[in-house]
Structure formats: structure tokens, C-alpha cells
PDB file of all heavy atoms in Angstrom:
ATOM      1  N   GLN A   1     -40.001 -37.679  13.718  1.00  0.00           N
ATOM      2  CA  GLN A   1     -39.942 -36.235  13.495  1.00  0.00           C
ATOM      3  C   GLN A   1     -39.144 -35.517  14.589  1.00  0.00           C
ATOM      4  O   GLN A   1     -38.275 -34.690  14.275  1.00  0.00           O
ATOM      5  CB  GLN A   1     -41.360 -35.667  13.395  1.00  0.00           C
ATOM      6  CG  GLN A   1     -42.095 -36.059  12.130  1.00  0.00           C
ATOM      7  CD  GLN A   1     -41.437 -35.490  10.878  1.00  0.00           C
ATOM      8  OE1 GLN A   1     -41.053 -34.327  10.854  1.00  0.00           O
ATOM      9  NE2 GLN A   1     -41.285 -36.317   9.865  1.00  0.00           N
ATOM     10  N   PRO A   2     -39.399 -35.800  15.873  1.00  0.00           N
ATOM     11  CA  PRO A   2     -38.592 -35.127  16.902  1.00  0.00           C
ATOM     12  C   PRO A   2     -37.100 -35.408  16.793  1.00  0.00           C
ATOM     13  O   PRO A   2     -36.285 -34.498  17.001  1.00  0.00           O
ATOM     14  CB  PRO A   2     -39.166 -35.684  18.212  1.00  0.00           C
ATOM     15  CG  PRO A   2     -40.551 -36.095  17.880  1.00  0.00           C
ATOM     16  CD  PRO A   2     -40.507 -36.565  16.464  1.00  0.00           C
ATOM     17  N   ILE A   3     -36.715 -36.649  16.467  1.00  0.00           N
ATOM     18  CA  ILE A   3     -35.280 -36.949  16.403  1.00  0.00           C
ATOM     19  C   ILE A   3     -34.654 -36.297  15.181  1.00  0.00           C
ATOM     20  O   ILE A   3     -33.485 -35.890  15.202  1.00  0.00           O
ATOM     21  CB  ILE A   3     -35.006 -38.477  16.433  1.00  0.00           C
ATOM     22  CG1 ILE A   3     -33.551 -38.739  16.855  1.00  0.00           C
ATOM     23  CG2 ILE A   3     -35.282 -39.127  15.079  1.00  0.00           C
ATOM     24  CD1 ILE A   3     -33.183 -38.235  18.209  1.00  0.00           C
ATOM     25  N   LEU A   4     -35.429 -36.154  14.092  1.00  0.00           N
ATOM     26  CA  LEU A   4     -34.925 -35.426  12.925  1.00  0.00           C
ATOM     27  C   LEU A   4     -34.644 -33.970  13.305  1.00  0.00           C
ATOM     28  O   LEU A   4     -33.593 -33.416  12.951  1.00  0.00           O
ATOM     29  CB  LEU A   4     -35.930 -35.494  11.779  1.00  0.00           C
ATOM     30  CG  LEU A   4     -35.576 -34.655  10.537  1.00  0.00           C
ATOM     31  CD1 LEU A   4     -34.300 -35.166   9.893  1.00  0.00           C
ATOM     32  CD2 LEU A   4     -36.728 -34.670   9.529  1.00  0.00           C
ATOM     33  N   VAL A   5     -35.576 -33.361  14.020  1.00  0.00           N
ATOM     34  CA  VAL A   5     -35.377 -31.985  14.475  1.00  0.00           C
ATOM     35  C   VAL A   5     -34.151 -31.896  15.380  1.00  0.00           C
ATOM     36  O   VAL A   5     -33.313 -30.990  15.240  1.00  0.00           O
ATOM     37  CB  VAL A   5     -36.634 -31.475  15.216  1.00  0.00           C
ATOM     38  CG1 VAL A   5     -36.345 -30.164  15.952  1.00  0.00           C
ATOM     39  CG2 VAL A   5     -37.781 -31.283  14.236  1.00  0.00           C
ATOM     40  N   ALA A   6     -34.017 -32.845  16.312  1.00  0.00           N
ATOM     41  CA  ALA A   6     -32.877 -32.841  17.241  1.00  0.00           C
ATOM     42  C   ALA A   6     -31.556 -32.922  16.486  1.00  0.00           C
ATOM     43  O   ALA A   6     -30.603 -32.189  16.788  1.00  0.00           O
ATOM     44  CB  ALA A   6     -33.005 -34.013  18.218  1.00  0.00           C
ATOM     45  N   ILE A   7     -31.482 -33.806  15.483  1.00  0.00           N
ATOM     46  CA  ILE A   7     -30.243 -33.988  14.723  1.00  0.00           C
ATOM     47  C   ILE A   7     -29.921 -32.738  13.910  1.00  0.00           C
ATOM     48  O   ILE A   7     -28.774 -32.262  13.903  1.00  0.00           O
ATOM     49  CB  ILE A   7     -30.365 -35.225  13.808  1.00  0.00           C
ATOM     50  CG1 ILE A   7     -30.334 -36.501  14.652  1.00  0.00           C
ATOM     51  CG2 ILE A   7     -29.240 -35.256  12.767  1.00  0.00           C
ATOM     52  CD1 ILE A   7     -30.644 -37.762  13.871  1.00  0.00           C
ATOM     53  N   VAL A   8     -30.920 -32.188  13.212  1.00  0.00           N
ATOM     54  CA  VAL A   8     -30.664 -31.016  12.367  1.00  0.00           C
ATOM     55  C   VAL A   8     -30.271 -29.809  13.217  1.00  0.00           C
ATOM     56  O   VAL A   8     -29.394 -29.023  12.831  1.00  0.00           O
ATOM     57  CB  VAL A   8     -31.892 -30.701  11.491  1.00  0.00           C
ATOM     58  CG1 VAL A   8     -31.689 -29.389  10.730  1.00  0.00           C
ATOM     59  CG2 VAL A   8     -32.144 -31.836  10.503  1.00  0.00           C
ATOM     60  N   LEU A   9     -30.877 -29.654  14.389  1.00  0.00           N
ATOM     61  CA  LEU A   9     -30.504 -28.535  15.252  1.00  0.00           C
ATOM     62  C   LEU A   9     -29.066 -28.670  15.752  1.00  0.00           C
ATOM     63  O   LEU A   9     -28.343 -27.675  15.871  1.00  0.00           O
ATOM     64  CB  LEU A   9     -31.464 -28.425  16.429  1.00  0.00           C
ATOM     65  CG  LEU A   9     -32.877 -27.928  16.099  1.00  0.00           C
ATOM     66  CD1 LEU A   9     -33.718 -27.827  17.361  1.00  0.00           C
ATOM     67  CD2 LEU A   9     -32.833 -26.583  15.397  1.00  0.00           C
ATOM     68  N   GLN A  10     -28.640 -29.888  16.050  1.00  0.00           N
ATOM     69  CA  GLN A  10     -27.240 -30.092  16.435  1.00  0.00           C
ATOM     70  C   GLN A  10     -26.304 -29.782  15.272  1.00  0.00           C
ATOM     71  O   GLN A  10     -25.240 -29.173  15.450  1.00  0.00           O
ATOM     72  CB  GLN A  10     -27.020 -31.530  16.917  1.00  0.00           C
ATOM     73  CG  GLN A  10     -27.735 -31.889  18.199  1.00  0.00           C
ATOM     74  CD  GLN A  10     -27.291 -31.070  19.389  1.00  0.00           C
ATOM     75  OE1 GLN A  10     -26.140 -30.686  19.488  1.00  0.00           O
ATOM     76  NE2 GLN A  10     -28.221 -30.778  20.285  1.00  0.00           N
ATOM     77  N   LEU A  11     -26.703 -30.176  14.066  1.00  0.00           N
ATOM     78  CA  LEU A  11     -25.903 -29.857  12.880  1.00  0.00           C
ATOM     79  C   LEU A  11     -25.846 -28.344  12.662  1.00  0.00           C
ATOM     80  O   LEU A  11     -24.808 -27.801  12.278  1.00  0.00           O
ATOM     81  CB  LEU A  11     -26.486 -30.542  11.647  1.00  0.00           C
ATOM     82  CG  LEU A  11     -26.374 -32.072  11.592  1.00  0.00           C
ATOM     83  CD1 LEU A  11     -27.099 -32.615  10.368  1.00  0.00           C
ATOM     84  CD2 LEU A  11     -24.910 -32.517  11.575  1.00  0.00           C
ATOM     85  N   SER A  12     -26.967 -27.664  12.934  1.00  0.00           N
ATOM     86  CA  SER A  12     -26.987 -26.208  12.748  1.00  0.00           C
ATOM     87  C   SER A  12     -26.026 -25.524  13.708  1.00  0.00           C
ATOM     88  O   SER A  12     -25.502 -24.443  13.409  1.00  0.00           O
ATOM     89  CB  SER A  12     -28.409 -25.665  12.945  1.00  0.00           C
ATOM     90  OG  SER A  12     -28.784 -25.641  14.311  1.00  0.00           O
ATOM     91  N   GLN A  13     -25.792 -26.143  14.870  1.00  0.00           N
ATOM     92  CA  GLN A  13     -24.836 -25.576  15.823  1.00  0.00           C
ATOM     93  C   GLN A  13     -23.410 -25.740  15.334  1.00  0.00           C
ATOM     94  O   GLN A  13     -22.627 -24.795  15.307  1.00  0.00           O
ATOM     95  CB  GLN A  13     -24.998 -26.237  17.189  1.00  0.00           C
ATOM     96  CG  GLN A  13     -24.114 -25.645  18.268  1.00  0.00           C
ATOM     97  CD  GLN A  13     -24.182 -26.433  19.561  1.00  0.00           C
ATOM     98  OE1 GLN A  13     -23.471 -27.411  19.739  1.00  0.00           O
ATOM     99  NE2 GLN A  13     -25.055 -26.003  20.457  1.00  0.00           N
ATOM    100  N   GLN A  14     -23.052 -26.933  14.918  1.00  0.00           N
ATOM    101  CA  GLN A  14     -21.655 -27.215  14.597  1.00  0.00           C
ATOM    102  C   GLN A  14     -21.267 -26.851  13.162  1.00  0.00           C
ATOM    103  O   GLN A  14     -20.144 -26.425  12.907  1.00  0.00           O
ATOM    104  CB  GLN A  14     -21.361 -28.701  14.840  1.00  0.00           C
ATOM    105  CG  GLN A  14     -21.425 -29.103  16.295  1.00  0.00           C
ATOM    106  CD  GLN A  14     -20.432 -28.342  17.150  1.00  0.00           C
ATOM    107  OE1 GLN A  14     -19.313 -28.071  16.735  1.00  0.00           O
ATOM    108  NE2 GLN A  14     -20.847 -27.968  18.351  1.00  0.00           N
ATOM    109  N   LEU A  15     -22.193 -27.027  12.196  1.00  0.00           N
ATOM    110  CA  LEU A  15     -21.883 -26.709  10.803  1.00  0.00           C
ATOM    111  C   LEU A  15     -22.164 -25.252  10.471  1.00  0.00           C
ATOM    112  O   LEU A  15     -22.115 -24.852   9.315  1.00  0.00           O
ATOM    113  CB  LEU A  15     -22.678 -27.620   9.858  1.00  0.00           C
ATOM    114  CG  LEU A  15     -22.408 -29.122  10.000  1.00  0.00           C
ATOM    115  CD1 LEU A  15     -23.151 -29.901   8.925  1.00  0.00           C
ATOM    116  CD2 LEU A  15     -20.915 -29.437   9.943  1.00  0.00           C
ATOM    117  N   SER A  16     -22.465 -24.463  11.494  1.00  0.00           N
ATOM    118  CA  SER A  16     -22.668 -23.026  11.284  1.00  0.00           C
ATOM    119  C   SER A  16     -21.360 -22.318  10.955  1.00  0.00           C
ATOM    120  O   SER A  16     -21.357 -21.220  10.409  1.00  0.00           O
ATOM    121  CB  SER A  16     -23.276 -22.399  12.544  1.00  0.00           C
ATOM    122  OG  SER A  16     -22.350 -22.484  13.630  1.00  0.00           O
ATOM    123  N   GLY A  17     -20.233 -22.940  11.323  1.00  0.00           N
ATOM    124  CA  GLY A  17     -18.927 -22.319  11.120  1.00  0.00           C
ATOM    125  C   GLY A  17     -18.335 -21.769  12.398  1.00  0.00           C
ATOM    126  O   GLY A  17     -17.223 -21.240  12.395  1.00  0.00           O
ATOM    127  N   ILE A  18     -19.032 -21.934  13.522  1.00  0.00           N
ATOM    128  CA  ILE A  18     -18.543 -21.329  14.764  1.00  0.00           C
ATOM    129  C   ILE A  18     -17.231 -21.951  15.218  1.00  0.00           C
ATOM    130  O   ILE A  18     -16.336 -21.254  15.712  1.00  0.00           O
ATOM    131  CB  ILE A  18     -19.611 -21.437  15.881  1.00  0.00           C
ATOM    132  CG1 ILE A  18     -19.225 -20.563  17.090  1.00  0.00           C
ATOM    133  CG2 ILE A  18     -19.831 -22.885  16.305  1.00  0.00           C
ATOM    134  CD1 ILE A  18     -19.212 -19.086  16.796  1.00  0.00           C
ATOM    135  N   ASN A  19     -17.084 -23.263  15.046  1.00  0.00           N
ATOM    136  CA  ASN A  19     -15.831 -23.877  15.489  1.00  0.00           C
ATOM    137  C   ASN A  19     -14.679 -23.571  14.550  1.00  0.00           C
ATOM    138  O   ASN A  19     -13.511 -23.650  14.948  1.00  0.00           O
ATOM    139  CB  ASN A  19     -16.010 -25.386  15.666  1.00  0.00           C
ATOM    140  CG  ASN A  19     -16.527 -25.739  17.040  1.00  0.00           C
ATOM    141  OD1 ASN A  19     -16.572 -24.885  17.923  1.00  0.00           O
ATOM    142  ND2 ASN A  19     -16.927 -26.962  17.246  1.00  0.00           N
ATOM    143  N   ALA A  20     -14.995 -23.219  13.297  1.00  0.00           N
ATOM    144  CA  ALA A  20     -13.940 -22.709  12.430  1.00  0.00           C
ATOM    145  C   ALA A  20     -13.384 -21.421  13.016  1.00  0.00           C
ATOM    146  O   ALA A  20     -12.171 -21.155  12.959  1.00  0.00           O
ATOM    147  CB  ALA A  20     -14.497 -22.454  11.029  1.00  0.00           C
ATOM    148  N   ILE A  21     -14.268 -20.615  13.621  1.00  0.00           N
ATOM    149  CA  ILE A  21     -13.828 -19.374  14.270  1.00  0.00           C
ATOM    150  C   ILE A  21     -12.961 -19.686  15.484  1.00  0.00           C
ATOM    151  O   ILE A  21     -11.871 -19.126  15.652  1.00  0.00           O
ATOM    152  CB  ILE A  21     -15.041 -18.528  14.708  1.00  0.00           C
ATOM    153  CG1 ILE A  21     -15.898 -18.129  13.501  1.00  0.00           C
ATOM    154  CG2 ILE A  21     -14.589 -17.300  15.496  1.00  0.00           C
ATOM    155  CD1 ILE A  21     -15.230 -17.185  12.551  1.00  0.00           C
ATOM    156  N   PHE A  22     -13.414 -20.606  16.343  1.00  0.00           N
ATOM    157  CA  PHE A  22     -12.691 -20.850  17.590  1.00  0.00           C
ATOM    158  C   PHE A  22     -11.416 -21.668  17.395  1.00  0.00           C
ATOM    159  O   PHE A  22     -10.449 -21.500  18.133  1.00  0.00           O
ATOM    160  CB  PHE A  22     -13.616 -21.530  18.609  1.00  0.00           C
ATOM    161  CG  PHE A  22     -14.607 -20.591  19.202  1.00  0.00           C
ATOM    162  CD1 PHE A  22     -15.959 -20.757  18.987  1.00  0.00           C
ATOM    163  CD2 PHE A  22     -14.199 -19.510  19.947  1.00  0.00           C
ATOM    164  CE1 PHE A  22     -16.879 -19.877  19.515  1.00  0.00           C
ATOM    165  CE2 PHE A  22     -15.104 -18.609  20.482  1.00  0.00           C
ATOM    166  CZ  PHE A  22     -16.447 -18.795  20.262  1.00  0.00           C
ATOM    167  N   TYR A  23     -11.407 -22.570  16.414  1.00  0.00           N
ATOM    168  CA  TYR A  23     -10.205 -23.359  16.178  1.00  0.00           C
ATOM    169  C   TYR A  23      -9.166 -22.587  15.353  1.00  0.00           C
ATOM    170  O   TYR A  23      -7.968 -22.752  15.537  1.00  0.00           O
ATOM    171  CB  TYR A  23     -10.549 -24.650  15.442  1.00  0.00           C
ATOM    172  CG  TYR A  23     -11.268 -25.685  16.280  1.00  0.00           C
ATOM    173  CD1 TYR A  23     -12.238 -26.517  15.714  1.00  0.00           C
ATOM    174  CD2 TYR A  23     -10.995 -25.856  17.630  1.00  0.00           C
ATOM    175  CE1 TYR A  23     -12.900 -27.477  16.461  1.00  0.00           C
ATOM    176  CE2 TYR A  23     -11.655 -26.806  18.385  1.00  0.00           C
ATOM    177  CZ  TYR A  23     -12.612 -27.616  17.797  1.00  0.00           C
ATOM    178  OH  TYR A  23     -13.262 -28.558  18.545  1.00  0.00           O
ATOM    179  N   TYR A  24      -9.638 -21.759  14.426  1.00  0.00           N
ATOM    180  CA  TYR A  24      -8.722 -21.162  13.457  1.00  0.00           C
ATOM    181  C   TYR A  24      -8.845 -19.637  13.364  1.00  0.00           C
ATOM    182  O   TYR A  24      -8.423 -19.039  12.381  1.00  0.00           O
ATOM    183  CB  TYR A  24      -8.991 -21.757  12.062  1.00  0.00           C
ATOM    184  CG  TYR A  24      -8.800 -23.251  11.981  1.00  0.00           C
ATOM    185  CD1 TYR A  24      -9.889 -24.102  11.859  1.00  0.00           C
ATOM    186  CD2 TYR A  24      -7.529 -23.808  12.026  1.00  0.00           C
ATOM    187  CE1 TYR A  24      -9.711 -25.480  11.776  1.00  0.00           C
ATOM    188  CE2 TYR A  24      -7.334 -25.184  11.948  1.00  0.00           C
ATOM    189  CZ  TYR A  24      -8.442 -26.006  11.827  1.00  0.00           C
ATOM    190  OH  TYR A  24      -8.254 -27.365  11.747  1.00  0.00           O
ATOM    191  N   SER A  25      -9.413 -18.989  14.393  1.00  0.00           N
ATOM    192  CA  SER A  25      -9.689 -17.555  14.278  1.00  0.00           C
ATOM    193  C   SER A  25      -8.419 -16.729  14.088  1.00  0.00           C
ATOM    194  O   SER A  25      -8.427 -15.742  13.339  1.00  0.00           O
ATOM    195  CB  SER A  25     -10.456 -17.064  15.508  1.00  0.00           C
ATOM    196  OG  SER A  25      -9.719 -17.298  16.687  1.00  0.00           O
ATOM    197  N   THR A  26      -7.333 -17.110  14.761  1.00  0.00           N
ATOM    198  CA  THR A  26      -6.096 -16.349  14.607  1.00  0.00           C
ATOM    199  C   THR A  26      -5.640 -16.365  13.163  1.00  0.00           C
ATOM    200  O   THR A  26      -5.248 -15.331  12.592  1.00  0.00           O
ATOM    201  CB  THR A  26      -4.994 -16.927  15.522  1.00  0.00           C
ATOM    202  OG1 THR A  26      -5.449 -16.901  16.882  1.00  0.00           O
ATOM    203  CG2 THR A  26      -3.715 -16.105  15.413  1.00  0.00           C
ATOM    204  N   ASP A  27      -5.710 -17.527  12.524  1.00  0.00           N
ATOM    205  CA  ASP A  27      -5.335 -17.653  11.119  1.00  0.00           C
ATOM    206  C   ASP A  27      -6.305 -16.879  10.225  1.00  0.00           C
ATOM    207  O   ASP A  27      -5.894 -16.226   9.259  1.00  0.00           O
ATOM    208  CB  ASP A  27      -5.323 -19.136  10.727  1.00  0.00           C
ATOM    209  CG  ASP A  27      -4.694 -19.375   9.363  1.00  0.00           C
ATOM    210  OD1 ASP A  27      -3.629 -18.799   9.093  1.00  0.00           O
ATOM    211  OD2 ASP A  27      -5.289 -20.127   8.561  1.00  0.00           O
ATOM    212  N   ILE A  28      -7.599 -16.949  10.540  1.00  0.00           N
ATOM    213  CA  ILE A  28      -8.614 -16.228   9.749  1.00  0.00           C
ATOM    214  C   ILE A  28      -8.369 -14.733   9.831  1.00  0.00           C
ATOM    215  O   ILE A  28      -8.397 -14.015   8.818  1.00  0.00           O
ATOM    216  CB  ILE A  28     -10.035 -16.572  10.242  1.00  0.00           C
ATOM    217  CG1 ILE A  28     -10.364 -18.035   9.918  1.00  0.00           C
ATOM    218  CG2 ILE A  28     -11.073 -15.657   9.595  1.00  0.00           C
ATOM    219  CD1 ILE A  28     -11.645 -18.525  10.583  1.00  0.00           C
ATOM    220  N   PHE A  29      -8.123 -14.209  11.037  1.00  0.00           N
ATOM    221  CA  PHE A  29      -7.870 -12.774  11.198  1.00  0.00           C
ATOM    222  C   PHE A  29      -6.597 -12.363  10.458  1.00  0.00           C
ATOM    223  O   PHE A  29      -6.531 -11.264   9.888  1.00  0.00           O
ATOM    224  CB  PHE A  29      -7.754 -12.412  12.675  1.00  0.00           C
ATOM    225  CG  PHE A  29      -9.073 -12.310  13.385  1.00  0.00           C
ATOM    226  CD1 PHE A  29      -9.323 -13.028  14.543  1.00  0.00           C
ATOM    227  CD2 PHE A  29     -10.073 -11.482  12.902  1.00  0.00           C
ATOM    228  CE1 PHE A  29     -10.532 -12.939  15.204  1.00  0.00           C
ATOM    229  CE2 PHE A  29     -11.290 -11.373  13.562  1.00  0.00           C
ATOM    230  CZ  PHE A  29     -11.525 -12.106  14.710  1.00  0.00           C
ATOM    231  N   SER A  30      -5.578 -13.217  10.460  1.00  0.00           N
ATOM    232  CA  SER A  30      -4.341 -12.906   9.735  1.00  0.00           C
ATOM    233  C   SER A  30      -4.615 -12.759   8.243  1.00  0.00           C
ATOM    234  O   SER A  30      -4.157 -11.818   7.594  1.00  0.00           O
ATOM    235  CB  SER A  30      -3.295 -14.004   9.965  1.00  0.00           C
ATOM    236  OG  SER A  30      -2.920 -14.070  11.310  1.00  0.00           O
ATOM    237  N   LYS A  31      -5.381 -13.705   7.689  1.00  0.00           N
ATOM    238  CA  LYS A  31      -5.707 -13.658   6.259  1.00  0.00           C
ATOM    239  C   LYS A  31      -6.601 -12.467   5.929  1.00  0.00           C
ATOM    240  O   LYS A  31      -6.616 -11.992   4.788  1.00  0.00           O
ATOM    241  CB  LYS A  31      -6.379 -14.956   5.836  1.00  0.00           C
ATOM    242  CG  LYS A  31      -5.431 -16.151   5.844  1.00  0.00           C
ATOM    243  CD  LYS A  31      -6.148 -17.440   5.451  1.00  0.00           C
ATOM    244  CE  LYS A  31      -5.168 -18.619   5.446  1.00  0.00           C
ATOM    245  NZ  LYS A  31      -5.841 -19.899   5.132  1.00  0.00           N
ATOM    246  N   ALA A  32      -7.369 -12.023   6.935  1.00  0.00           N
ATOM    247  CA  ALA A  32      -8.252 -10.870   6.720  1.00  0.00           C
ATOM    248  C   ALA A  32      -7.504  -9.542   6.847  1.00  0.00           C
ATOM    249  O   ALA A  32      -8.098  -8.482   6.675  1.00  0.00           O
ATOM    250  CB  ALA A  32      -9.409 -10.905   7.713  1.00  0.00           C
ATOM    251  N   GLY A  33      -6.205  -9.603   7.145  1.00  0.00           N
ATOM    252  CA  GLY A  33      -5.402  -8.386   7.202  1.00  0.00           C
ATOM    253  C   GLY A  33      -5.373  -7.697   8.539  1.00  0.00           C
ATOM    254  O   GLY A  33      -4.925  -6.556   8.635  1.00  0.00           O
ATOM    255  N   VAL A  34      -5.845  -8.369   9.604  1.00  0.00           N
ATOM    256  CA  VAL A  34      -5.806  -7.772  10.937  1.00  0.00           C
ATOM    257  C   VAL A  34      -4.369  -7.800  11.446  1.00  0.00           C
ATOM    258  O   VAL A  34      -3.718  -8.853  11.431  1.00  0.00           O
ATOM    259  CB  VAL A  34      -6.745  -8.527  11.909  1.00  0.00           C
ATOM    260  CG1 VAL A  34      -6.651  -7.934  13.307  1.00  0.00           C
ATOM    261  CG2 VAL A  34      -8.178  -8.463  11.397  1.00  0.00           C
ATOM    262  N   GLU A  35      -3.849  -6.652  11.906  1.00  0.00           N
ATOM    263  CA  GLU A  35      -2.441  -6.554  12.277  1.00  0.00           C
ATOM    264  C   GLU A  35      -2.104  -7.372  13.520  1.00  0.00           C
ATOM    265  O   GLU A  35      -1.027  -7.965  13.609  1.00  0.00           O
ATOM    266  CB  GLU A  35      -2.065  -5.087  12.498  1.00  0.00           C
ATOM    267  CG  GLU A  35      -2.100  -4.260  11.216  1.00  0.00           C
ATOM    268  CD  GLU A  35      -1.640  -2.843  11.458  1.00  0.00           C
ATOM    269  OE1 GLU A  35      -1.232  -2.532  12.598  1.00  0.00           O
ATOM    270  OE2 GLU A  35      -1.680  -2.046  10.509  1.00  0.00           O
TER     271      GLU A  35
END
């Protein structure tokens, strides 16, 4: 049970979409119409 919690919490960090923001934020903002 503890290792299941540990794994899912790590997944919640990375699969939250935060690295999509940091790796591709400039492209995302461009598509969103930010000048």
C-alpha cells in the first residue's frame, strides 16, 4: 500500500501537465494568441 501511494503521487506530479508547461509553454502561449 505505501509503495502504491508513492508511485501514484509521483505520477500525479509528472502527469499533471506541469512539464508540458515548462517544456512547451512558449508554443502553448503562441497557440493561445498571446502576442
